[in-house]
Amino acid sequence: MNLGKLWGRRKSVIVAWFTSYIVVVFFPILMSVVMYREANINLKSEINRANDALLKQARGTIDSQIERMLRMNTEITWNLNVQDLFYSNKTDNEAMYTAYRVAKEFSITRTSYTSVGDFYVTWDKEQNVIIPGTIQDFHVAFDSLHNTGAMTYEEWEEKVVRAESKRFMVLPRSSADSSYESLALVTHLPGRIVGSPPGTVVIMSDVSWFQKAIESILGFSGGQMFILDETNSVLISNPGGAPSEYILNILNQLGQTGSSRQSSTVTAADKSEIF
């Protein structure tokens, strides 16, 4: 009987000791796990907040450039001499004189928008292109502006001269010493009640400007930014920023919504989040 009581007391001591051991050993581990999870959540929150700030900064930079292009387009479209040239009944000599005045004014306009790049207006009736400082016929203008081998003259006519009104597109750009790509805003001049639009305004901004602007802000964070057209197709992305399968799926979903935006930006902090 005494042996039974002794064993019962020893058993109680063993249970109490084992319980205390479990508490002493595993409680700090449990607390460490909880603290790690809290720290991880806080760290992810801070990273997402920092990424969000960077992405908004990059988007603001891109949107500012797009706004400058749109503002430039408005100034050119409603320029008094442009209106006089395209919407007045002038003789051929008077029209040519006005066209040269427009080309001269365009040289001044270009100095006001140095960050935008080049631009021109097609004069469809005369098959001419008005460029800052000069006038060229369609073929000469195409050779000097776009003939890099990436697009034919016929494709230029189809995409630019006969394009749907107000579209953003990427066009090849040629110069005396190099060739590159430009993001172009292409808009028709308002047409008369009867007849096709008399010309097209084309404003171009170097694609590398957008890529450098994005890279300078997002380069160290691994973020991605895509500039989309009105069909949600990718026009520009940062260097090495090819859309992942996840992002492509989201872009496809956007495309199925029938968005009517002229141009927009999509940014992604990583492969699992899109803003």
C-alpha atoms as a PDB file:
ATOM      1  CA  MET A   1       0.000   0.000   0.000  1.00  0.00           C
ATOM      2  CA  ASN A   2       2.833   2.332   0.857  1.00  0.00           C
ATOM      3  CA  LEU A   3       4.586   1.326  -2.348  1.00  0.00           C
ATOM      4  CA  GLY A   4       1.484   2.340  -4.319  1.00  0.00           C
ATOM      5  CA  LYS A   5       1.348   5.731  -2.674  1.00  0.00           C
ATOM      6  CA  LEU A   6       5.068   6.239  -3.278  1.00  0.00           C
ATOM      7  CA  TRP A   7       4.707   5.385  -6.949  1.00  0.00           C
ATOM      8  CA  GLY A   8       1.725   7.720  -7.259  1.00  0.00           C
ATOM      9  CA  ARG A   9       3.715  10.585  -5.772  1.00  0.00           C
ATOM     10  CA  ARG A  10       6.704   9.843  -7.991  1.00  0.00           C
ATOM     11  CA  LYS A  11       4.427   9.729 -11.011  1.00  0.00           C
ATOM     12  CA  SER A  12       2.982  13.119 -10.101  1.00  0.00           C
ATOM     13  CA  VAL A  13       6.494  14.531  -9.753  1.00  0.00           C
ATOM     14  CA  ILE A  14       7.523  13.093 -13.113  1.00  0.00           C
ATOM     15  CA  VAL A  15       4.425  14.530 -14.832  1.00  0.00           C
ATOM     16  CA  ALA A  16       4.969  17.924 -13.235  1.00  0.00           C
ATOM     17  CA  TRP A  17       8.655  17.890 -14.185  1.00  0.00           C
ATOM     18  CA  PHE A  18       7.917  16.797 -17.734  1.00  0.00           C
ATOM     19  CA  THR A  19       5.253  19.501 -18.089  1.00  0.00           C
ATOM     20  CA  SER A  20       7.653  22.126 -16.802  1.00  0.00           C
ATOM     21  CA  TYR A  21      10.315  20.856 -19.206  1.00  0.00           C
ATOM     22  CA  ILE A  22       7.937  21.080 -22.137  1.00  0.00           C
ATOM     23  CA  VAL A  23       6.981  24.620 -21.180  1.00  0.00           C
ATOM     24  CA  VAL A  24      10.589  25.739 -20.648  1.00  0.00           C
ATOM     25  CA  VAL A  25      11.820  24.186 -23.903  1.00  0.00           C
ATOM     26  CA  PHE A  26       8.982  24.801 -26.330  1.00  0.00           C
ATOM     27  CA  PHE A  27       7.535  28.100 -25.114  1.00  0.00           C
ATOM     28  CA  PRO A  28      10.556  30.137 -26.316  1.00  0.00           C
ATOM     29  CA  ILE A  29      10.398  28.260 -29.621  1.00  0.00           C
ATOM     30  CA  LEU A  30       6.700  29.040 -29.952  1.00  0.00           C
ATOM     31  CA  MET A  31       7.317  32.695 -29.126  1.00  0.00           C
ATOM     32  CA  SER A  32      10.142  32.806 -31.674  1.00  0.00           C
ATOM     33  CA  VAL A  33       7.836  31.425 -34.367  1.00  0.00           C
ATOM     34  CA  VAL A  34       5.154  33.985 -33.512  1.00  0.00           C
ATOM     35  CA  MET A  35       7.664  36.844 -33.489  1.00  0.00           C
ATOM     36  CA  TYR A  36       9.168  35.645 -36.791  1.00  0.00           C
ATOM     37  CA  ARG A  37       5.767  35.574 -38.436  1.00  0.00           C
ATOM     38  CA  GLU A  38       4.950  39.062 -37.150  1.00  0.00           C
ATOM     39  CA  ALA A  39       8.327  40.401 -38.295  1.00  0.00           C
ATOM     40  CA  ASN A  40       7.891  38.738 -41.701  1.00  0.00           C
ATOM     41  CA  ILE A  41       4.432  40.261 -42.129  1.00  0.00           C
ATOM     42  CA  ASN A  42       5.742  43.713 -41.137  1.00  0.00           C
ATOM     43  CA  LEU A  43       8.735  43.360 -43.477  1.00  0.00           C
ATOM     44  CA  LYS A  44       6.525  42.358 -46.412  1.00  0.00           C
ATOM     45  CA  SER A  45       4.229  45.280 -45.645  1.00  0.00           C
ATOM     46  CA  GLU A  46       7.149  47.715 -45.681  1.00  0.00           C
ATOM     47  CA  ILE A  47       8.531  46.227 -48.903  1.00  0.00           C
ATOM     48  CA  ASN A  48       5.124  46.450 -50.580  1.00  0.00           C
ATOM     49  CA  ARG A  49       4.735  50.033 -49.368  1.00  0.00           C
ATOM     50  CA  ALA A  50       8.166  50.971 -50.735  1.00  0.00           C
ATOM     51  CA  ASN A  51       7.469  49.191 -54.038  1.00  0.00           C
ATOM     52  CA  ASP A  52       4.118  50.914 -54.305  1.00  0.00           C
ATOM     53  CA  ALA A  53       5.758  54.318 -53.816  1.00  0.00           C
ATOM     54  CA  LEU A  54       8.376  53.521 -56.496  1.00  0.00           C
ATOM     55  CA  LEU A  55       5.753  52.273 -58.922  1.00  0.00           C
ATOM     56  CA  LYS A  56       3.633  55.378 -58.408  1.00  0.00           C
ATOM     57  CA  GLN A  57       6.685  57.553 -58.985  1.00  0.00           C
ATOM     58  CA  ALA A  58       7.510  55.709 -62.211  1.00  0.00           C
ATOM     59  CA  ARG A  59       3.902  55.882 -63.354  1.00  0.00           C
ATOM     60  CA  GLY A  60       3.817  59.605 -62.632  1.00  0.00           C
ATOM     61  CA  THR A  61       6.961  60.136 -64.734  1.00  0.00           C
ATOM     62  CA  ILE A  62       5.484  58.199 -67.666  1.00  0.00           C
ATOM     63  CA  ASP A  63       2.093  59.880 -67.388  1.00  0.00           C
ATOM     64  CA  SER A  64       3.750  63.317 -67.393  1.00  0.00           C
ATOM     65  CA  GLN A  65       5.466  62.522 -70.692  1.00  0.00           C
ATOM     66  CA  ILE A  66       2.220  61.207 -72.182  1.00  0.00           C
ATOM     67  CA  GLU A  67       0.470  64.396 -71.051  1.00  0.00           C
ATOM     68  CA  ARG A  68       3.148  66.511 -72.747  1.00  0.00           C
ATOM     69  CA  MET A  69       2.589  64.589 -75.980  1.00  0.00           C
ATOM     70  CA  LEU A  70      -1.171  65.114 -75.741  1.00  0.00           C
ATOM     71  CA  ARG A  71      -0.729  68.820 -74.978  1.00  0.00           C
ATOM     72  CA  MET A  72       1.658  69.189 -77.915  1.00  0.00           C
ATOM     73  CA  ASN A  73      -0.868  67.460 -80.161  1.00  0.00           C
ATOM     74  CA  THR A  74      -3.571  69.921 -79.092  1.00  0.00           C
ATOM     75  CA  GLU A  75      -1.331  72.923 -79.767  1.00  0.00           C
ATOM     76  CA  ILE A  76      -0.433  71.665 -83.237  1.00  0.00           C
ATOM     77  CA  THR A  77      -3.992  70.687 -84.158  1.00  0.00           C
ATOM     78  CA  TRP A  78      -5.439  74.077 -83.243  1.00  0.00           C
ATOM     79  CA  ASN A  79      -2.490  76.182 -84.443  1.00  0.00           C
ATOM     80  CA  LEU A  80      -3.952  79.099 -86.409  1.00  0.00           C
ATOM     81  CA  ASN A  81      -1.715  78.587 -89.423  1.00  0.00           C
ATOM     82  CA  VAL A  82      -2.449  74.840 -89.435  1.00  0.00           C
ATOM     83  CA  GLN A  83      -6.160  75.614 -89.375  1.00  0.00           C
ATOM     84  CA  ASP A  84      -5.682  78.200 -92.124  1.00  0.00           C
ATOM     85  CA  LEU A  85      -3.759  75.732 -94.294  1.00  0.00           C
ATOM     86  CA  PHE A  86      -6.125  72.791 -94.008  1.00  0.00           C
ATOM     87  CA  TYR A  87      -9.505  74.495 -93.768  1.00  0.00           C
ATOM     88  CA  SER A  88      -9.271  77.547 -96.053  1.00  0.00           C
ATOM     89  CA  ASN A  89      -9.767  77.661 -99.812  1.00  0.00           C
ATOM     90  CA  LYS A  90      -6.348  78.839-100.913  1.00  0.00           C
ATOM     91  CA  THR A  91      -4.606  78.836-104.238  1.00  0.00           C
ATOM     92  CA  ASP A  92      -1.696  76.436-104.614  1.00  0.00           C
ATOM     93  CA  ASN A  93       0.873  79.204-104.134  1.00  0.00           C
ATOM     94  CA  GLU A  94      -0.917  80.587-101.083  1.00  0.00           C
ATOM     95  CA  ALA A  95      -1.214  77.111 -99.578  1.00  0.00           C
ATOM     96  CA  MET A  96       2.482  76.381-100.099  1.00  0.00           C
ATOM     97  CA  TYR A  97       3.448  79.711 -98.540  1.00  0.00           C
ATOM     98  CA  THR A  98       1.257  78.950 -95.518  1.00  0.00           C
ATOM     99  CA  ALA A  99       2.742  75.465 -95.287  1.00  0.00           C
ATOM    100  CA  TYR A 100       6.248  76.913 -95.041  1.00  0.00           C
ATOM    101  CA  ARG A 101       5.042  79.267 -92.320  1.00  0.00           C
ATOM    102  CA  VAL A 102       3.713  76.243 -90.463  1.00  0.00           C
ATOM    103  CA  ALA A 103       7.050  74.442 -90.848  1.00  0.00           C
ATOM    104  CA  LYS A 104       8.841  77.491 -89.456  1.00  0.00           C
ATOM    105  CA  GLU A 105       6.464  77.662 -86.490  1.00  0.00           C
ATOM    106  CA  PHE A 106       7.024  73.956 -85.849  1.00  0.00           C
ATOM    107  CA  SER A 107      10.732  74.696 -85.327  1.00  0.00           C
ATOM    108  CA  ILE A 108       9.750  77.019 -82.488  1.00  0.00           C
ATOM    109  CA  THR A 109       7.295  74.466 -81.102  1.00  0.00           C
ATOM    110  CA  ARG A 110      10.026  71.822 -80.988  1.00  0.00           C
ATOM    111  CA  THR A 111      12.188  74.015 -78.745  1.00  0.00           C
ATOM    112  CA  SER A 112       9.296  74.184 -76.265  1.00  0.00           C
ATOM    113  CA  TYR A 113       8.999  70.394 -76.078  1.00  0.00           C
ATOM    114  CA  THR A 114      12.607  69.216 -76.082  1.00  0.00           C
ATOM    115  CA  SER A 115      11.808  66.150 -73.965  1.00  0.00           C
ATOM    116  CA  VAL A 116       9.147  64.896 -76.375  1.00  0.00           C
ATOM    117  CA  GLY A 117      11.165  64.460 -79.555  1.00  0.00           C
ATOM    118  CA  ASP A 118      10.206  64.787 -83.218  1.00  0.00           C
ATOM    119  CA  PHE A 119       6.849  65.360 -84.833  1.00  0.00           C
ATOM    120  CA  TYR A 120       5.266  66.031 -88.200  1.00  0.00           C
ATOM    121  CA  VAL A 121       1.927  66.596 -89.921  1.00  0.00           C
ATOM    122  CA  THR A 122       0.932  64.853 -93.132  1.00  0.00           C
ATOM    123  CA  TRP A 123      -0.642  67.064 -95.795  1.00  0.00           C
ATOM    124  CA  ASP A 124      -2.640  64.399 -97.576  1.00  0.00           C
ATOM    125  CA  LYS A 125      -3.987  66.554-100.398  1.00  0.00           C
ATOM    126  CA  GLU A 126      -0.478  67.399-101.612  1.00  0.00           C
ATOM    127  CA  GLN A 127       1.123  64.095-100.507  1.00  0.00           C
ATOM    128  CA  ASN A 128       3.555  66.132 -98.391  1.00  0.00           C
ATOM    129  CA  VAL A 129       4.783  65.957 -94.825  1.00  0.00           C
ATOM    130  CA  ILE A 130       5.352  69.156 -92.830  1.00  0.00           C
ATOM    131  CA  ILE A 131       8.380  68.714 -90.581  1.00  0.00           C
ATOM    132  CA  PRO A 132       9.893  71.394 -88.316  1.00  0.00           C
ATOM    133  CA  GLY A 133      11.799  73.657 -90.689  1.00  0.00           C
ATOM    134  CA  THR A 134      10.948  71.952 -93.981  1.00  0.00           C
ATOM    135  CA  ILE A 135       8.402  70.180 -96.201  1.00  0.00           C
ATOM    136  CA  GLN A 136       9.001  66.807 -97.849  1.00  0.00           C
ATOM    137  CA  ASP A 137       6.914  64.556-100.064  1.00  0.00           C
ATOM    138  CA  PHE A 138       5.629  61.299 -98.589  1.00  0.00           C
ATOM    139  CA  HIS A 139       8.402  59.070 -99.950  1.00  0.00           C
ATOM    140  CA  VAL A 140      11.273  61.353 -98.930  1.00  0.00           C
ATOM    141  CA  ALA A 141       9.765  61.901 -95.491  1.00  0.00           C
ATOM    142  CA  PHE A 142       9.317  58.178 -94.958  1.00  0.00           C
ATOM    143  CA  ASP A 143      12.944  57.520 -95.928  1.00  0.00           C
ATOM    144  CA  SER A 144      14.262  60.203 -93.587  1.00  0.00           C
ATOM    145  CA  LEU A 145      11.966  59.430 -90.657  1.00  0.00           C
ATOM    146  CA  HIS A 146      11.073  55.737 -90.634  1.00  0.00           C
ATOM    147  CA  ASN A 147      13.011  53.739 -93.213  1.00  0.00           C
ATOM    148  CA  THR A 148      15.017  51.429 -90.931  1.00  0.00           C
ATOM    149  CA  GLY A 149      13.929  48.193 -92.618  1.00  0.00           C
ATOM    150  CA  ALA A 150      11.411  47.457 -89.871  1.00  0.00           C
ATOM    151  CA  MET A 151       8.468  48.942 -91.790  1.00  0.00           C
ATOM    152  CA  THR A 152       7.689  49.449 -95.459  1.00  0.00           C
ATOM    153  CA  TYR A 153       6.302  52.602 -97.032  1.00  0.00           C
ATOM    154  CA  GLU A 154       2.962  50.879 -97.595  1.00  0.00           C
ATOM    155  CA  GLU A 155       2.797  49.842 -93.939  1.00  0.00           C
ATOM    156  CA  TRP A 156       3.536  53.425 -92.890  1.00  0.00           C
ATOM    157  CA  GLU A 157       0.670  54.688 -95.041  1.00  0.00           C
ATOM    158  CA  GLU A 158      -1.640  52.057 -93.575  1.00  0.00           C
ATOM    159  CA  LYS A 159      -0.605  52.573 -89.947  1.00  0.00           C
ATOM    160  CA  VAL A 160      -0.144  56.343 -89.931  1.00  0.00           C
ATOM    161  CA  VAL A 161      -1.855  58.106 -92.833  1.00  0.00           C
ATOM    162  CA  ARG A 162      -4.946  55.899 -92.747  1.00  0.00           C
ATOM    163  CA  ALA A 163      -4.821  54.954 -89.070  1.00  0.00           C
ATOM    164  CA  GLU A 164      -7.779  55.115 -86.740  1.00  0.00           C
ATOM    165  CA  SER A 165      -7.946  58.465 -84.997  1.00  0.00           C
ATOM    166  CA  LYS A 166      -5.861  59.009 -81.850  1.00  0.00           C
ATOM    167  CA  ARG A 167      -3.781  55.917 -81.373  1.00  0.00           C
ATOM    168  CA  PHE A 168      -0.529  55.216 -79.590  1.00  0.00           C
ATOM    169  CA  MET A 169       1.847  52.944 -81.461  1.00  0.00           C
ATOM    170  CA  VAL A 170       5.539  52.125 -81.675  1.00  0.00           C
ATOM    171  CA  LEU A 171       7.168  53.322 -84.901  1.00  0.00           C
ATOM    172  CA  PRO A 172      10.725  52.780 -86.176  1.00  0.00           C
ATOM    173  CA  ARG A 173      12.704  56.019 -86.260  1.00  0.00           C
ATOM    174  CA  SER A 174      15.696  56.646 -88.481  1.00  0.00           C
ATOM    175  CA  SER A 175      18.237  59.428 -88.225  1.00  0.00           C
ATOM    176  CA  ALA A 176      21.531  60.289 -89.871  1.00  0.00           C
ATOM    177  CA  ASP A 177      23.640  58.149 -87.524  1.00  0.00           C
ATOM    178  CA  SER A 178      21.308  55.682 -85.832  1.00  0.00           C
ATOM    179  CA  SER A 179      17.926  53.993 -85.786  1.00  0.00           C
ATOM    180  CA  TYR A 180      15.664  53.377 -82.825  1.00  0.00           C
ATOM    181  CA  GLU A 181      12.019  53.029 -81.833  1.00  0.00           C
ATOM    182  CA  SER A 182       9.635  55.804 -80.868  1.00  0.00           C
ATOM    183  CA  LEU A 183       6.346  55.795 -79.035  1.00  0.00           C
ATOM    184  CA  ALA A 184       4.088  57.742 -81.394  1.00  0.00           C
ATOM    185  CA  LEU A 185       0.803  59.506 -80.773  1.00  0.00           C
ATOM    186  CA  VAL A 186      -1.050  59.439 -84.098  1.00  0.00           C
ATOM    187  CA  THR A 187      -4.173  61.572 -84.534  1.00  0.00           C
ATOM    188  CA  HIS A 188      -6.172  62.763 -87.516  1.00  0.00           C
ATOM    189  CA  LEU A 189      -6.889  66.411 -88.006  1.00  0.00           C
ATOM    190  CA  PRO A 190     -10.631  66.977 -87.692  1.00  0.00           C
ATOM    191  CA  GLY A 191     -12.325  66.272 -91.009  1.00  0.00           C
ATOM    192  CA  ARG A 192     -15.018  68.257 -92.696  1.00  0.00           C
ATOM    193  CA  ILE A 193     -18.609  67.069 -92.663  1.00  0.00           C
ATOM    194  CA  VAL A 194     -17.989  65.402 -96.011  1.00  0.00           C
ATOM    195  CA  GLY A 195     -14.672  63.812 -96.917  1.00  0.00           C
ATOM    196  CA  SER A 196     -11.745  62.215 -95.173  1.00  0.00           C
ATOM    197  CA  PRO A 197      -9.471  63.962 -92.646  1.00  0.00           C
ATOM    198  CA  PRO A 198      -7.058  66.368 -94.376  1.00  0.00           C
ATOM    199  CA  GLY A 199      -3.977  65.235 -92.481  1.00  0.00           C
ATOM    200  CA  THR A 200      -2.462  63.377 -89.565  1.00  0.00           C
ATOM    201  CA  VAL A 201      -0.461  64.672 -86.605  1.00  0.00           C
ATOM    202  CA  VAL A 202       2.340  62.349 -85.485  1.00  0.00           C
ATOM    203  CA  ILE A 203       4.236  63.060 -82.255  1.00  0.00           C
ATOM    204  CA  MET A 204       7.134  60.771 -81.390  1.00  0.00           C
ATOM    205  CA  SER A 205       9.048  60.198 -78.173  1.00  0.00           C
ATOM    206  CA  ASP A 206      12.065  57.903 -78.006  1.00  0.00           C
ATOM    207  CA  VAL A 207      11.222  54.516 -76.476  1.00  0.00           C
ATOM    208  CA  SER A 208      14.579  54.507 -74.665  1.00  0.00           C
ATOM    209  CA  TRP A 209      13.477  57.643 -72.768  1.00  0.00           C
ATOM    210  CA  PHE A 210      10.609  55.702 -71.240  1.00  0.00           C
ATOM    211  CA  GLN A 211      12.782  52.676 -70.534  1.00  0.00           C
ATOM    212  CA  LYS A 212      15.478  54.773 -68.858  1.00  0.00           C
ATOM    213  CA  ALA A 213      12.877  56.639 -66.810  1.00  0.00           C
ATOM    214  CA  ILE A 214      11.424  53.331 -65.624  1.00  0.00           C
ATOM    215  CA  GLU A 215      14.803  51.715 -65.005  1.00  0.00           C
ATOM    216  CA  SER A 216      16.129  54.661 -62.993  1.00  0.00           C
ATOM    217  CA  ILE A 217      13.268  54.222 -60.535  1.00  0.00           C
ATOM    218  CA  LEU A 218      12.548  50.488 -60.625  1.00  0.00           C
ATOM    219  CA  GLY A 219      15.946  49.088 -61.586  1.00  0.00           C
ATOM    220  CA  PHE A 220      17.070  48.019 -58.116  1.00  0.00           C
ATOM    221  CA  SER A 221      13.668  46.769 -56.956  1.00  0.00           C
ATOM    222  CA  GLY A 222      13.047  44.271 -59.744  1.00  0.00           C
ATOM    223  CA  GLY A 223       9.694  45.911 -60.529  1.00  0.00           C
ATOM    224  CA  GLN A 224       8.084  45.830 -63.949  1.00  0.00           C
ATOM    225  CA  MET A 225       6.077  48.430 -65.832  1.00  0.00           C
ATOM    226  CA  PHE A 226       4.203  48.082 -69.096  1.00  0.00           C
ATOM    227  CA  ILE A 227       2.730  50.811 -71.262  1.00  0.00           C
ATOM    228  CA  LEU A 228      -0.393  49.513 -72.983  1.00  0.00           C
ATOM    229  CA  ASP A 229      -2.329  50.702 -75.999  1.00  0.00           C
ATOM    230  CA  GLU A 230      -6.109  50.936 -76.213  1.00  0.00           C
ATOM    231  CA  THR A 231      -6.365  47.174 -76.812  1.00  0.00           C
ATOM    232  CA  ASN A 232      -4.186  46.471 -73.740  1.00  0.00           C
ATOM    233  CA  SER A 233      -1.313  45.210 -75.890  1.00  0.00           C
ATOM    234  CA  VAL A 234       2.150  45.960 -74.512  1.00  0.00           C
ATOM    235  CA  LEU A 235       3.818  48.912 -76.265  1.00  0.00           C
ATOM    236  CA  ILE A 236       6.813  49.421 -73.966  1.00  0.00           C
ATOM    237  CA  SER A 237       8.284  47.612 -70.979  1.00  0.00           C
ATOM    238  CA  ASN A 238      11.409  48.233 -68.957  1.00  0.00           C
ATOM    239  CA  PRO A 239      14.544  46.443 -70.233  1.00  0.00           C
ATOM    240  CA  GLY A 240      14.350  42.761 -69.387  1.00  0.00           C
ATOM    241  CA  GLY A 241      10.743  43.274 -68.337  1.00  0.00           C
ATOM    242  CA  ALA A 242       9.070  40.715 -70.577  1.00  0.00           C
ATOM    243  CA  PRO A 243       5.658  39.924 -69.084  1.00  0.00           C
ATOM    244  CA  SER A 244       5.489  36.728 -67.069  1.00  0.00           C
ATOM    245  CA  GLU A 245       2.764  34.179 -67.753  1.00  0.00           C
ATOM    246  CA  TYR A 246       0.863  35.491 -64.726  1.00  0.00           C
ATOM    247  CA  ILE A 247       0.927  39.074 -65.992  1.00  0.00           C
ATOM    248  CA  LEU A 248       0.082  38.001 -69.546  1.00  0.00           C
ATOM    249  CA  ASN A 249      -3.029  36.308 -68.196  1.00  0.00           C
ATOM    250  CA  ILE A 250      -4.057  39.548 -66.486  1.00  0.00           C
ATOM    251  CA  LEU A 251      -3.382  41.543 -69.657  1.00  0.00           C
ATOM    252  CA  ASN A 252      -5.546  39.092 -71.593  1.00  0.00           C
ATOM    253  CA  GLN A 253      -8.307  39.595 -69.058  1.00  0.00           C
ATOM    254  CA  LEU A 254      -7.982  43.359 -69.463  1.00  0.00           C
ATOM    255  CA  GLY A 255      -8.184  42.946 -73.231  1.00  0.00           C
ATOM    256  CA  GLN A 256     -11.443  41.036 -72.891  1.00  0.00           C
ATOM    257  CA  THR A 257     -13.061  43.941 -71.015  1.00  0.00           C
ATOM    258  CA  GLY A 258     -13.036  46.116 -74.137  1.00  0.00           C
ATOM    259  CA  SER A 259     -11.259  49.040 -72.506  1.00  0.00           C
ATOM    260  CA  SER A 260     -11.492  52.314 -74.448  1.00  0.00           C
ATOM    261  CA  ARG A 261      -8.405  53.955 -72.947  1.00  0.00           C
ATOM    262  CA  GLN A 262      -5.958  55.555 -75.375  1.00  0.00           C
ATOM    263  CA  SER A 263      -2.890  54.581 -73.364  1.00  0.00           C
ATOM    264  CA  SER A 264      -2.273  53.341 -69.852  1.00  0.00           C
ATOM    265  CA  THR A 265       0.395  51.887 -67.621  1.00  0.00           C
ATOM    266  CA  VAL A 266       0.383  48.613 -65.733  1.00  0.00           C
ATOM    267  CA  THR A 267       2.937  48.034 -63.027  1.00  0.00           C
ATOM    268  CA  ALA A 268       3.907  44.900 -61.175  1.00  0.00           C
ATOM    269  CA  ALA A 269       5.986  44.695 -57.997  1.00  0.00           C
ATOM    270  CA  ASP A 270       6.714  41.024 -58.483  1.00  0.00           C
ATOM    271  CA  LYS A 271       5.257  37.906 -60.074  1.00  0.00           C
ATOM    272  CA  SER A 272       2.423  37.673 -57.587  1.00  0.00           C
ATOM    273  CA  GLU A 273       1.080  41.197 -57.414  1.00  0.00           C
ATOM    274  CA  ILE A 274      -0.126  43.734 -59.937  1.00  0.00           C
ATOM    275  CA  PHE A 275      -1.161  47.296 -59.234  1.00  0.00           C
END
